[in-house]
Amino acid sequence: MPREYIAIALLAVCGFLIGGVYTMWKTAKIAATVLAVLAVLAAGGAIAWFISS
């Protein structure tokens, strides 16, 4: 399995989490904030994975 697949998967998780933030923002701001932090971590991990390759 090529190393790029892991970074692409992390970007996909990031997009999924951003969608959750968008959906939850009006009703549950604390949960949306937690999802936003997780999305930033996933994006940072993907960027770090691409750089380390």
Protein backbone atom coordinates (compact mmCIF):
# COMPACT_ATOMS: atom_id res chain seq x y z
CA MET A 1 0.00 0.00 0.00
CA PRO A 2 1.58 3.30 -1.05
CA ARG A 3 2.28 5.83 1.68
CA GLU A 4 0.12 8.45 -0.02
CA TYR A 5 -3.05 6.48 0.72
CA ILE A 6 -2.71 7.17 4.42
CA ALA A 7 -2.43 10.93 3.84
CA ILE A 8 -5.40 10.82 1.48
CA ALA A 9 -7.39 8.91 4.09
CA LEU A 10 -6.52 11.54 6.70
CA LEU A 11 -7.73 14.26 4.35
CA ALA A 12 -10.96 12.34 3.83
CA VAL A 13 -11.42 12.08 7.61
CA CYS A 14 -10.76 15.81 7.85
CA GLY A 15 -13.48 16.52 5.30
CA PHE A 16 -15.91 14.25 7.12
CA LEU A 17 -15.18 16.03 10.40
CA ILE A 18 -15.62 19.46 8.80
CA GLY A 19 -19.01 18.31 7.55
CA GLY A 20 -19.88 17.36 11.12
CA VAL A 21 -18.81 20.78 12.34
CA TYR A 22 -21.00 22.45 9.74
CA THR A 23 -23.97 20.29 10.67
CA MET A 24 -23.65 20.60 14.44
CA TRP A 25 -22.66 24.26 14.79
CA LYS A 26 -26.16 25.67 15.39
CA THR A 27 -27.21 23.04 17.94
CA ALA A 28 -24.12 21.80 19.77
CA LYS A 29 -21.26 24.27 19.68
CA ILE A 30 -19.04 22.38 22.14
CA ALA A 31 -19.24 19.15 20.16
CA ALA A 32 -18.68 21.10 16.94
CA THR A 33 -15.58 22.70 18.46
CA VAL A 34 -14.22 19.27 19.41
CA LEU A 35 -14.83 18.07 15.85
CA ALA A 36 -13.09 21.17 14.49
CA VAL A 37 -10.02 20.45 16.62
CA LEU A 38 -9.99 16.86 15.41
CA ALA A 39 -10.31 18.06 11.81
CA VAL A 40 -7.31 20.36 12.25
CA LEU A 41 -5.30 17.50 13.74
CA ALA A 42 -6.23 15.21 10.84
CA ALA A 43 -5.27 17.87 8.30
CA GLY A 44 -2.00 18.54 10.12
CA GLY A 45 -1.27 14.83 10.19
CA ALA A 46 -1.93 14.55 6.46
CA ILE A 47 0.34 17.49 5.71
CA ALA A 48 3.08 16.06 7.94
CA TRP A 49 2.68 12.69 6.22
CA PHE A 50 3.05 14.27 2.77
CA ILE A 51 6.11 16.25 3.87
CA SER A 52 7.82 13.23 5.42
CA SER A 53 7.44 11.17 2.25
